[in-house]
Amino acid sequence: MSLFDYIASSRELPTGEFGSKRKRVEGSGSKITVFQNEEHPYIPLDIFLGPKLQINEEDIEVYNSMADIASIGISHLHDGLLAQIRHHFTLPHVYQLYSNWGGLSFDPAFKKSFPNEYQANVKCFKELIKLMRDHREAGDTFEIYSCWIGEEHEPKKEALSQIIELDTADSLQSFELKDKRYILFQ
């Protein structure tokens, strides 16, 4: 099972990926992702995959760090899923919210144990805050809700509900999306 995150807004949001900082991208189509920096020099892929695999340099994306590749995404929901999740929101435009190479939860303990992952998660959270700030007008709010796939019909856990001021959200020391948690950003 997978924990899905959703975001609702009073106005339409752009869909797509936000926040990835590519060092070099060439060509098109499917890509293989590689990190390359002083600590992790680039190693030819045929060392790992064997010489018979035909991979062109233009099919490789190179990033300096996990935080550089980390991003968030917004996508439309198909009608069936929208109908199942709609009752958790008061705002009209509901989307799936996802993160790539990072997550939306972070805390200081995570930073000590997994510093690269922590930085990627903080970046994803900041990209979410930026997206909301960039697409709001005075008085607008945003709603976020998380639940396991297949449990969209179950009620939210009111004890986990939270209100966060969007103007000060990037100063939070920790943030966590939990199963059946509803968060209002105002």
N, C-alpha and C. Protein backbone atom coordinates (compact mmCIF):
# COMPACT_ATOMS: atom_id res chain seq x y z
N MET A 1 0.83 -1.18 0.00
CA MET A 1 0.00 0.00 0.00
C MET A 1 0.88 1.25 0.00
N SER A 2 0.33 2.32 -0.50
CA SER A 2 1.05 3.58 -0.58
C SER A 2 0.26 4.70 0.07
N LEU A 3 0.98 5.58 0.75
CA LEU A 3 0.37 6.76 1.34
C LEU A 3 0.33 7.84 0.27
N PHE A 4 -0.86 8.31 -0.05
CA PHE A 4 -1.03 9.35 -1.06
C PHE A 4 -1.31 10.68 -0.38
N ASP A 5 -0.80 11.75 -0.97
CA ASP A 5 -1.02 13.10 -0.48
C ASP A 5 -1.83 13.86 -1.52
N TYR A 6 -2.71 14.73 -1.04
CA TYR A 6 -3.58 15.51 -1.91
C TYR A 6 -3.52 16.97 -1.48
N ILE A 7 -3.73 17.86 -2.43
CA ILE A 7 -3.77 19.29 -2.15
C ILE A 7 -5.01 19.88 -2.81
N ALA A 8 -5.67 20.79 -2.11
CA ALA A 8 -6.85 21.46 -2.67
C ALA A 8 -6.63 22.97 -2.59
N SER A 9 -7.18 23.66 -3.58
CA SER A 9 -7.01 25.10 -3.70
C SER A 9 -8.31 25.73 -4.18
N SER A 10 -8.46 27.02 -3.90
CA SER A 10 -9.65 27.73 -4.37
C SER A 10 -9.54 28.08 -5.85
N ARG A 11 -8.35 28.01 -6.39
CA ARG A 11 -8.16 28.28 -7.83
C ARG A 11 -7.31 27.15 -8.42
N GLU A 12 -7.32 27.05 -9.73
CA GLU A 12 -6.56 25.99 -10.39
C GLU A 12 -5.07 26.18 -10.14
N LEU A 13 -4.38 25.06 -9.94
CA LEU A 13 -2.93 25.06 -9.77
C LEU A 13 -2.28 24.51 -11.03
N PRO A 14 -1.05 24.91 -11.30
CA PRO A 14 -0.34 24.31 -12.43
C PRO A 14 0.02 22.87 -12.09
N THR A 15 0.02 22.02 -13.08
CA THR A 15 0.43 20.64 -12.86
C THR A 15 1.84 20.46 -13.40
N GLY A 16 2.50 19.43 -12.92
CA GLY A 16 3.86 19.15 -13.36
C GLY A 16 4.80 19.04 -12.18
N GLU A 17 6.10 19.08 -12.48
CA GLU A 17 7.15 18.94 -11.48
C GLU A 17 7.77 20.30 -11.20
N PHE A 18 8.07 20.55 -9.91
CA PHE A 18 8.60 21.85 -9.49
C PHE A 18 9.80 21.67 -8.57
N GLY A 19 10.92 22.30 -8.91
CA GLY A 19 12.05 22.37 -7.99
C GLY A 19 13.30 21.61 -8.35
N SER A 20 13.29 20.74 -9.34
CA SER A 20 14.49 19.98 -9.68
C SER A 20 15.52 20.90 -10.32
N LYS A 21 16.78 20.78 -9.90
CA LYS A 21 17.87 21.60 -10.44
C LYS A 21 18.85 20.70 -11.19
N ARG A 22 18.67 20.59 -12.46
CA ARG A 22 19.53 19.73 -13.25
C ARG A 22 20.88 20.39 -13.52
N LYS A 23 21.92 19.59 -13.44
CA LYS A 23 23.25 20.06 -13.79
C LYS A 23 23.43 20.01 -15.30
N ARG A 24 22.98 18.90 -15.89
CA ARG A 24 23.09 18.74 -17.33
C ARG A 24 21.98 17.81 -17.79
N VAL A 25 21.28 18.19 -18.81
CA VAL A 25 20.26 17.34 -19.40
C VAL A 25 20.39 17.44 -20.90
N GLU A 26 20.49 16.31 -21.55
CA GLU A 26 20.57 16.29 -23.00
C GLU A 26 19.59 15.25 -23.51
N GLY A 27 19.23 15.35 -24.77
CA GLY A 27 18.36 14.35 -25.38
C GLY A 27 16.95 14.42 -24.84
N SER A 28 16.20 13.35 -25.04
CA SER A 28 14.83 13.29 -24.56
C SER A 28 14.48 11.85 -24.25
N GLY A 29 13.29 11.63 -23.74
CA GLY A 29 12.84 10.29 -23.43
C GLY A 29 13.22 9.88 -22.01
N SER A 30 13.24 8.59 -21.76
CA SER A 30 13.57 8.07 -20.44
C SER A 30 15.00 8.39 -20.08
N LYS A 31 15.22 8.68 -18.82
CA LYS A 31 16.55 9.06 -18.36
C LYS A 31 17.00 8.15 -17.23
N ILE A 32 18.30 8.04 -17.11
CA ILE A 32 18.92 7.39 -15.97
C ILE A 32 19.48 8.50 -15.12
N THR A 33 19.26 8.45 -13.83
CA THR A 33 19.69 9.51 -12.94
C THR A 33 20.99 9.13 -12.25
N VAL A 34 21.94 10.06 -12.25
CA VAL A 34 23.25 9.85 -11.64
C VAL A 34 23.60 11.07 -10.82
N PHE A 35 24.14 10.86 -9.62
CA PHE A 35 24.69 11.96 -8.84
C PHE A 35 26.17 12.06 -9.14
N GLN A 36 26.67 13.28 -9.26
CA GLN A 36 28.09 13.47 -9.52
C GLN A 36 28.57 14.71 -8.79
N ASN A 37 29.50 14.52 -7.87
CA ASN A 37 30.16 15.64 -7.22
C ASN A 37 31.52 15.15 -6.73
N GLU A 38 32.24 15.96 -5.96
CA GLU A 38 33.57 15.55 -5.52
C GLU A 38 33.53 14.27 -4.69
N GLU A 39 32.50 14.13 -3.89
CA GLU A 39 32.37 12.96 -3.04
C GLU A 39 31.93 11.72 -3.82
N HIS A 40 31.16 11.93 -4.88
CA HIS A 40 30.63 10.84 -5.69
C HIS A 40 30.97 11.09 -7.16
N PRO A 41 32.19 10.75 -7.59
CA PRO A 41 32.53 10.97 -9.01
C PRO A 41 31.71 10.06 -9.91
N TYR A 42 31.52 10.50 -11.13
CA TYR A 42 30.77 9.72 -12.11
C TYR A 42 31.52 8.45 -12.45
N ILE A 43 30.82 7.34 -12.46
CA ILE A 43 31.39 6.05 -12.84
C ILE A 43 30.62 5.56 -14.05
N PRO A 44 31.29 5.17 -15.13
CA PRO A 44 30.57 4.67 -16.30
C PRO A 44 29.60 3.55 -15.93
N LEU A 45 28.39 3.63 -16.45
CA LEU A 45 27.35 2.67 -16.07
C LEU A 45 27.64 1.25 -16.51
N ASP A 46 28.46 1.07 -17.55
CA ASP A 46 28.71 -0.31 -18.00
C ASP A 46 29.50 -1.10 -16.96
N ILE A 47 30.15 -0.43 -16.02
CA ILE A 47 30.82 -1.14 -14.93
C ILE A 47 29.78 -1.90 -14.11
N PHE A 48 28.61 -1.28 -13.91
CA PHE A 48 27.55 -1.91 -13.13
C PHE A 48 26.62 -2.77 -13.97
N LEU A 49 26.35 -2.32 -15.18
CA LEU A 49 25.31 -2.94 -15.98
C LEU A 49 25.84 -3.85 -17.08
N GLY A 50 27.12 -3.82 -17.32
CA GLY A 50 27.70 -4.67 -18.36
C GLY A 50 27.80 -3.94 -19.68
N PRO A 51 28.76 -4.32 -20.50
CA PRO A 51 29.00 -3.60 -21.76
C PRO A 51 27.92 -3.82 -22.81
N LYS A 52 27.06 -4.83 -22.67
CA LYS A 52 26.05 -5.10 -23.70
C LYS A 52 24.89 -4.11 -23.65
N LEU A 53 24.72 -3.44 -22.54
CA LEU A 53 23.63 -2.48 -22.42
C LEU A 53 24.00 -1.21 -23.18
N GLN A 54 23.15 -0.82 -24.10
CA GLN A 54 23.40 0.35 -24.92
C GLN A 54 22.77 1.59 -24.28
N ILE A 55 23.58 2.40 -23.62
CA ILE A 55 23.09 3.63 -23.02
C ILE A 55 23.92 4.77 -23.59
N ASN A 56 23.23 5.75 -24.13
CA ASN A 56 23.90 6.92 -24.68
C ASN A 56 24.06 7.97 -23.60
N GLU A 57 25.11 8.76 -23.69
CA GLU A 57 25.33 9.84 -22.73
C GLU A 57 24.14 10.79 -22.65
N GLU A 58 23.46 11.01 -23.78
CA GLU A 58 22.32 11.93 -23.76
C GLU A 58 21.11 11.37 -23.00
N ASP A 59 21.17 10.10 -22.63
CA ASP A 59 20.09 9.49 -21.87
C ASP A 59 20.36 9.51 -20.36
N ILE A 60 21.35 10.29 -19.95
CA ILE A 60 21.74 10.35 -18.55
C ILE A 60 21.53 11.77 -18.03
N GLU A 61 20.87 11.88 -16.88
CA GLU A 61 20.74 13.16 -16.19
C GLU A 61 21.74 13.16 -15.05
N VAL A 62 22.46 14.24 -14.87
CA VAL A 62 23.47 14.33 -13.82
C VAL A 62 23.07 15.44 -12.85
N TYR A 63 23.14 15.14 -11.56
CA TYR A 63 22.80 16.09 -10.51
C TYR A 63 23.95 16.15 -9.52
N ASN A 64 24.13 17.27 -8.86
CA ASN A 64 25.19 17.41 -7.87
C ASN A 64 24.84 16.79 -6.53
N SER A 65 23.55 16.73 -6.19
CA SER A 65 23.16 16.23 -4.88
C SER A 65 21.72 15.72 -4.92
N MET A 66 21.34 15.03 -3.86
CA MET A 66 19.97 14.57 -3.73
C MET A 66 19.01 15.76 -3.63
N ALA A 67 19.45 16.83 -2.97
CA ALA A 67 18.60 18.02 -2.86
C ALA A 67 18.37 18.66 -4.23
N ASP A 68 19.36 18.58 -5.12
CA ASP A 68 19.18 19.15 -6.46
C ASP A 68 18.11 18.42 -7.26
N ILE A 69 18.03 17.11 -7.10
CA ILE A 69 17.05 16.34 -7.87
C ILE A 69 15.67 16.35 -7.21
N ALA A 70 15.62 16.62 -5.91
CA ALA A 70 14.36 16.60 -5.18
C ALA A 70 13.38 17.62 -5.74
N SER A 71 12.13 17.21 -5.86
CA SER A 71 11.10 18.08 -6.41
C SER A 71 9.73 17.64 -5.91
N ILE A 72 8.75 18.49 -6.14
CA ILE A 72 7.37 18.10 -5.87
C ILE A 72 6.62 18.07 -7.20
N GLY A 73 5.50 17.40 -7.19
CA GLY A 73 4.67 17.35 -8.38
C GLY A 73 3.21 17.50 -8.02
N ILE A 74 2.48 18.05 -8.94
CA ILE A 74 1.03 18.21 -8.82
C ILE A 74 0.42 17.56 -10.05
N SER A 75 -0.55 16.69 -9.85
CA SER A 75 -1.20 16.06 -11.00
C SER A 75 -2.71 16.01 -10.79
N HIS A 76 -3.42 16.02 -11.90
CA HIS A 76 -4.88 15.90 -11.85
C HIS A 76 -5.27 14.51 -11.38
N LEU A 77 -6.41 14.40 -10.76
CA LEU A 77 -6.95 13.12 -10.33
C LEU A 77 -7.96 12.63 -11.36
N HIS A 78 -7.98 11.32 -11.59
CA HIS A 78 -9.03 10.80 -12.47
C HIS A 78 -10.35 10.87 -11.72
N ASP A 79 -11.43 10.90 -12.46
CA ASP A 79 -12.76 11.15 -11.88
C ASP A 79 -13.11 10.19 -10.74
N GLY A 80 -12.73 8.93 -10.86
CA GLY A 80 -13.06 7.95 -9.82
C GLY A 80 -12.38 8.27 -8.50
N LEU A 81 -11.10 8.59 -8.54
CA LEU A 81 -10.37 8.92 -7.32
C LEU A 81 -10.83 10.27 -6.76
N LEU A 82 -11.09 11.22 -7.63
CA LEU A 82 -11.58 12.52 -7.18
C LEU A 82 -12.90 12.36 -6.42
N ALA A 83 -13.79 11.53 -6.92
CA ALA A 83 -15.07 11.30 -6.25
C ALA A 83 -14.87 10.67 -4.87
N GLN A 84 -13.86 9.81 -4.73
CA GLN A 84 -13.60 9.14 -3.45
C GLN A 84 -12.98 10.07 -2.41
N ILE A 85 -12.14 11.01 -2.84
CA ILE A 85 -11.37 11.84 -1.91
C ILE A 85 -12.02 13.20 -1.66
N ARG A 86 -12.92 13.61 -2.52
CA ARG A 86 -13.51 14.95 -2.51
C ARG A 86 -14.08 15.39 -1.16
N HIS A 87 -14.70 14.46 -0.43
CA HIS A 87 -15.39 14.82 0.82
C HIS A 87 -14.45 15.30 1.93
N HIS A 88 -13.15 15.12 1.77
CA HIS A 88 -12.19 15.58 2.78
C HIS A 88 -11.85 17.07 2.62
N PHE A 89 -12.30 17.69 1.55
CA PHE A 89 -11.91 19.07 1.23
C PHE A 89 -13.11 20.00 1.14
N THR A 90 -12.86 21.28 1.44
CA THR A 90 -13.87 22.31 1.25
C THR A 90 -13.60 23.13 -0.01
N LEU A 91 -12.38 23.06 -0.52
CA LEU A 91 -11.99 23.85 -1.69
C LEU A 91 -12.25 23.07 -2.98
N PRO A 92 -12.53 23.75 -4.09
CA PRO A 92 -13.00 23.07 -5.30
C PRO A 92 -11.97 22.32 -6.13
N HIS A 93 -10.72 22.76 -6.14
CA HIS A 93 -9.72 22.15 -7.04
C HIS A 93 -8.82 21.21 -6.24
N VAL A 94 -8.94 19.91 -6.50
CA VAL A 94 -8.21 18.89 -5.75
C VAL A 94 -7.25 18.17 -6.69
N TYR A 95 -6.01 17.98 -6.22
CA TYR A 95 -4.96 17.36 -7.02
C TYR A 95 -4.20 16.34 -6.17
N GLN A 96 -3.49 15.44 -6.85
CA GLN A 96 -2.54 14.60 -6.14
C GLN A 96 -1.26 15.41 -5.98
N LEU A 97 -0.65 15.31 -4.81
CA LEU A 97 0.61 15.96 -4.49
C LEU A 97 1.63 14.86 -4.26
N TYR A 98 2.78 14.95 -4.90
CA TYR A 98 3.80 13.93 -4.71
C TYR A 98 5.18 14.57 -4.70
N SER A 99 6.14 13.81 -4.21
CA SER A 99 7.52 14.29 -4.20
C SER A 99 8.40 13.26 -4.90
N ASN A 100 9.45 13.75 -5.51
CA ASN A 100 10.44 12.91 -6.18
C ASN A 100 11.78 13.07 -5.47
N TRP A 101 12.40 11.97 -5.11
CA TRP A 101 13.72 11.98 -4.48
C TRP A 101 13.72 12.79 -3.19
N GLY A 102 12.65 12.78 -2.51
CA GLY A 102 12.52 13.48 -1.24
C GLY A 102 11.12 13.24 -0.73
N GLY A 103 10.81 13.82 0.38
CA GLY A 103 9.47 13.70 0.93
C GLY A 103 9.05 15.04 1.49
N LEU A 104 7.92 15.06 2.14
CA LEU A 104 7.42 16.30 2.70
C LEU A 104 7.48 16.31 4.22
N SER A 105 8.13 15.31 4.82
CA SER A 105 8.24 15.24 6.27
C SER A 105 9.70 15.39 6.69
N PHE A 106 9.93 16.15 7.77
CA PHE A 106 11.30 16.31 8.26
C PHE A 106 11.27 16.70 9.73
N ASP A 107 12.34 16.36 10.45
CA ASP A 107 12.53 16.80 11.82
C ASP A 107 14.02 16.75 12.15
N PRO A 108 14.45 17.40 13.25
CA PRO A 108 15.88 17.47 13.57
C PRO A 108 16.54 16.10 13.75
N ALA A 109 15.84 15.12 14.31
CA ALA A 109 16.44 13.79 14.48
C ALA A 109 16.76 13.16 13.13
N PHE A 110 15.91 13.37 12.16
CA PHE A 110 16.13 12.86 10.80
C PHE A 110 17.38 13.51 10.19
N LYS A 111 17.59 14.78 10.51
CA LYS A 111 18.75 15.52 9.97
C LYS A 111 20.06 14.89 10.42
N LYS A 112 20.13 14.47 11.67
CA LYS A 112 21.36 13.88 12.20
C LYS A 112 21.65 12.52 11.58
N SER A 113 20.63 11.71 11.40
CA SER A 113 20.82 10.36 10.89
C SER A 113 20.95 10.30 9.37
N PHE A 114 20.22 11.15 8.68
CA PHE A 114 20.18 11.11 7.22
C PHE A 114 20.27 12.54 6.65
N PRO A 115 21.44 13.16 6.72
CA PRO A 115 21.54 14.57 6.32
C PRO A 115 21.16 14.85 4.86
N ASN A 116 21.53 13.99 3.93
CA ASN A 116 21.19 14.22 2.52
C ASN A 116 19.69 14.12 2.28
N GLU A 117 19.07 13.10 2.87
CA GLU A 117 17.63 12.92 2.74
C GLU A 117 16.88 14.06 3.42
N TYR A 118 17.39 14.50 4.57
CA TYR A 118 16.78 15.63 5.28
C TYR A 118 16.76 16.87 4.39
N GLN A 119 17.90 17.18 3.77
CA GLN A 119 17.98 18.35 2.90
C GLN A 119 17.01 18.23 1.73
N ALA A 120 16.89 17.03 1.16
CA ALA A 120 15.95 16.81 0.05
C ALA A 120 14.51 17.02 0.52
N ASN A 121 14.17 16.52 1.70
CA ASN A 121 12.82 16.67 2.22
C ASN A 121 12.49 18.13 2.54
N VAL A 122 13.44 18.84 3.14
CA VAL A 122 13.23 20.27 3.43
C VAL A 122 13.01 21.02 2.12
N LYS A 123 13.80 20.68 1.10
CA LYS A 123 13.64 21.34 -0.19
C LYS A 123 12.24 21.09 -0.75
N CYS A 124 11.76 19.84 -0.68
CA CYS A 124 10.41 19.53 -1.18
C CYS A 124 9.36 20.34 -0.43
N PHE A 125 9.50 20.43 0.89
CA PHE A 125 8.55 21.21 1.68
C PHE A 125 8.59 22.68 1.26
N LYS A 126 9.78 23.23 1.08
CA LYS A 126 9.90 24.64 0.68
C LYS A 126 9.35 24.87 -0.72
N GLU A 127 9.49 23.89 -1.61
CA GLU A 127 8.89 24.00 -2.94
C GLU A 127 7.37 24.03 -2.84
N LEU A 128 6.82 23.23 -1.93
CA LEU A 128 5.37 23.24 -1.71
C LEU A 128 4.91 24.61 -1.20
N ILE A 129 5.62 25.15 -0.24
CA ILE A 129 5.28 26.47 0.30
C ILE A 129 5.37 27.52 -0.80
N LYS A 130 6.43 27.47 -1.59
CA LYS A 130 6.61 28.42 -2.70
C LYS A 130 5.46 28.32 -3.69
N LEU A 131 5.07 27.10 -4.04
CA LEU A 131 3.98 26.89 -4.98
C LEU A 131 2.68 27.52 -4.45
N MET A 132 2.40 27.29 -3.17
CA MET A 132 1.18 27.85 -2.59
C MET A 132 1.24 29.38 -2.55
N ARG A 133 2.37 29.92 -2.15
CA ARG A 133 2.51 31.39 -2.10
C ARG A 133 2.40 32.02 -3.49
N ASP A 134 3.00 31.36 -4.47
CA ASP A 134 2.98 31.90 -5.84
C ASP A 134 1.60 31.87 -6.48
N HIS A 135 0.70 31.02 -5.97
CA HIS A 135 -0.61 30.84 -6.61
C HIS A 135 -1.77 31.17 -5.68
N ARG A 136 -1.56 32.13 -4.82
CA ARG A 136 -2.65 32.55 -3.93
C ARG A 136 -2.89 34.04 -4.09
N GLU A 137 -4.09 34.39 -3.75
CA GLU A 137 -4.46 35.80 -3.64
C GLU A 137 -4.92 36.02 -2.21
N ALA A 138 -5.12 37.26 -1.84
CA ALA A 138 -5.50 37.59 -0.47
C ALA A 138 -6.68 36.74 -0.01
N GLY A 139 -6.53 36.12 1.15
CA GLY A 139 -7.59 35.32 1.73
C GLY A 139 -7.62 33.86 1.28
N ASP A 140 -6.82 33.50 0.29
CA ASP A 140 -6.81 32.11 -0.18
C ASP A 140 -6.22 31.18 0.87
N THR A 141 -6.74 29.97 0.90
CA THR A 141 -6.20 28.91 1.76
C THR A 141 -5.93 27.69 0.89
N PHE A 142 -5.18 26.76 1.46
CA PHE A 142 -4.89 25.49 0.79
C PHE A 142 -5.13 24.38 1.81
N GLU A 143 -5.57 23.24 1.32
CA GLU A 143 -5.81 22.09 2.19
C GLU A 143 -4.93 20.94 1.71
N ILE A 144 -4.36 20.22 2.65
CA ILE A 144 -3.58 19.02 2.33
C ILE A 144 -4.15 17.88 3.15
N TYR A 145 -4.24 16.73 2.53
CA TYR A 145 -4.75 15.54 3.22
C TYR A 145 -3.95 14.34 2.74
N SER A 146 -3.68 13.41 3.65
CA SER A 146 -2.95 12.19 3.32
C SER A 146 -3.74 10.98 3.78
N CYS A 147 -3.71 9.93 2.97
CA CYS A 147 -4.32 8.66 3.38
C CYS A 147 -3.74 7.53 2.53
N TRP A 148 -3.88 6.32 3.05
CA TRP A 148 -3.44 5.15 2.30
C TRP A 148 -4.38 4.92 1.13
N ILE A 149 -3.82 4.49 0.03
CA ILE A 149 -4.65 4.19 -1.14
C ILE A 149 -5.65 3.11 -0.75
N GLY A 150 -6.87 3.29 -1.16
CA GLY A 150 -7.93 2.36 -0.81
C GLY A 150 -8.69 2.76 0.45
N GLU A 151 -8.18 3.76 1.18
CA GLU A 151 -8.83 4.22 2.41
C GLU A 151 -9.37 5.64 2.28
N GLU A 152 -9.59 6.08 1.05
CA GLU A 152 -10.06 7.44 0.81
C GLU A 152 -11.43 7.70 1.44
N HIS A 153 -12.25 6.67 1.56
CA HIS A 153 -13.60 6.82 2.11
C HIS A 153 -13.61 6.96 3.63
N GLU A 154 -12.52 6.57 4.29
CA GLU A 154 -12.48 6.61 5.75
C GLU A 154 -12.37 8.05 6.25
N PRO A 155 -12.91 8.33 7.44
CA PRO A 155 -12.88 9.71 7.95
C PRO A 155 -11.47 10.15 8.33
N LYS A 156 -11.25 11.46 8.26
CA LYS A 156 -9.96 11.99 8.69
C LYS A 156 -9.87 11.90 10.21
N LYS A 157 -8.65 11.90 10.72
CA LYS A 157 -8.42 11.86 12.17
C LYS A 157 -8.35 13.31 12.66
N GLU A 158 -9.45 13.76 13.24
CA GLU A 158 -9.55 15.16 13.68
C GLU A 158 -8.44 15.54 14.66
N ALA A 159 -7.99 14.60 15.49
CA ALA A 159 -6.94 14.90 16.46
C ALA A 159 -5.61 15.25 15.78
N LEU A 160 -5.44 14.84 14.53
CA LEU A 160 -4.21 15.14 13.78
C LEU A 160 -4.32 16.41 12.96
N SER A 161 -5.52 16.97 12.86
CA SER A 161 -5.71 18.17 12.04
C SER A 161 -4.85 19.31 12.55
N GLN A 162 -4.43 20.15 11.61
CA GLN A 162 -3.48 21.20 11.94
C GLN A 162 -3.76 22.43 11.08
N ILE A 163 -3.53 23.61 11.63
CA ILE A 163 -3.60 24.86 10.87
C ILE A 163 -2.20 25.47 10.88
N ILE A 164 -1.71 25.83 9.71
CA ILE A 164 -0.37 26.41 9.57
C ILE A 164 -0.49 27.73 8.83
N GLU A 165 0.16 28.74 9.36
CA GLU A 165 0.21 30.04 8.70
C GLU A 165 1.19 29.96 7.54
N LEU A 166 0.71 30.19 6.35
CA LEU A 166 1.54 30.08 5.15
C LEU A 166 2.70 31.08 5.16
N ASP A 167 2.49 32.26 5.72
CA ASP A 167 3.54 33.27 5.73
C ASP A 167 4.74 32.91 6.61
N THR A 168 4.55 32.02 7.57
CA THR A 168 5.65 31.63 8.46
C THR A 168 5.98 30.14 8.35
N ALA A 169 5.40 29.45 7.41
CA ALA A 169 5.56 28.00 7.30
C ALA A 169 7.00 27.57 7.06
N ASP A 170 7.78 28.37 6.33
CA ASP A 170 9.15 27.95 6.04
C ASP A 170 10.07 28.07 7.25
N SER A 171 9.58 28.56 8.38
CA SER A 171 10.38 28.60 9.60
C SER A 171 10.10 27.40 10.51
N LEU A 172 9.24 26.49 10.08
CA LEU A 172 8.94 25.30 10.89
C LEU A 172 10.20 24.45 11.07
N GLN A 173 10.39 23.92 12.27
CA GLN A 173 11.53 23.05 12.55
C GLN A 173 11.24 21.60 12.22
N SER A 174 9.95 21.26 12.13
CA SER A 174 9.56 19.90 11.76
C SER A 174 8.19 19.96 11.09
N PHE A 175 7.93 18.94 10.29
CA PHE A 175 6.66 18.85 9.58
C PHE A 175 6.47 17.38 9.22
N GLU A 176 5.25 16.89 9.35
CA GLU A 176 5.00 15.50 9.01
C GLU A 176 3.60 15.32 8.45
N LEU A 177 3.53 14.69 7.30
CA LEU A 177 2.24 14.26 6.77
C LEU A 177 1.98 12.87 7.32
N LYS A 178 0.84 12.69 7.93
CA LYS A 178 0.48 11.40 8.52
C LYS A 178 -0.80 10.90 7.89
N ASP A 179 -1.02 9.61 8.01
CA ASP A 179 -2.24 8.99 7.52
C ASP A 179 -3.46 9.68 8.14
N LYS A 180 -4.35 10.11 7.27
CA LYS A 180 -5.63 10.74 7.63
C LYS A 180 -5.47 12.09 8.34
N ARG A 181 -4.34 12.75 8.11
CA ARG A 181 -4.12 14.10 8.66
C ARG A 181 -4.60 15.13 7.65
N TYR A 182 -5.34 16.10 8.15
CA TYR A 182 -5.81 17.24 7.36
C TYR A 182 -5.05 18.47 7.84
N ILE A 183 -4.49 19.22 6.89
CA ILE A 183 -3.75 20.44 7.22
C ILE A 183 -4.32 21.59 6.41
N LEU A 184 -4.62 22.67 7.10
CA LEU A 184 -5.08 23.89 6.45
C LEU A 184 -3.94 24.90 6.49
N PHE A 185 -3.51 25.34 5.31
CA PHE A 185 -2.53 26.42 5.21
C PHE A 185 -3.32 27.69 4.93
N GLN A 186 -3.17 28.70 5.80
CA GLN A 186 -3.90 29.95 5.61
C GLN A 186 -2.97 31.15 5.62
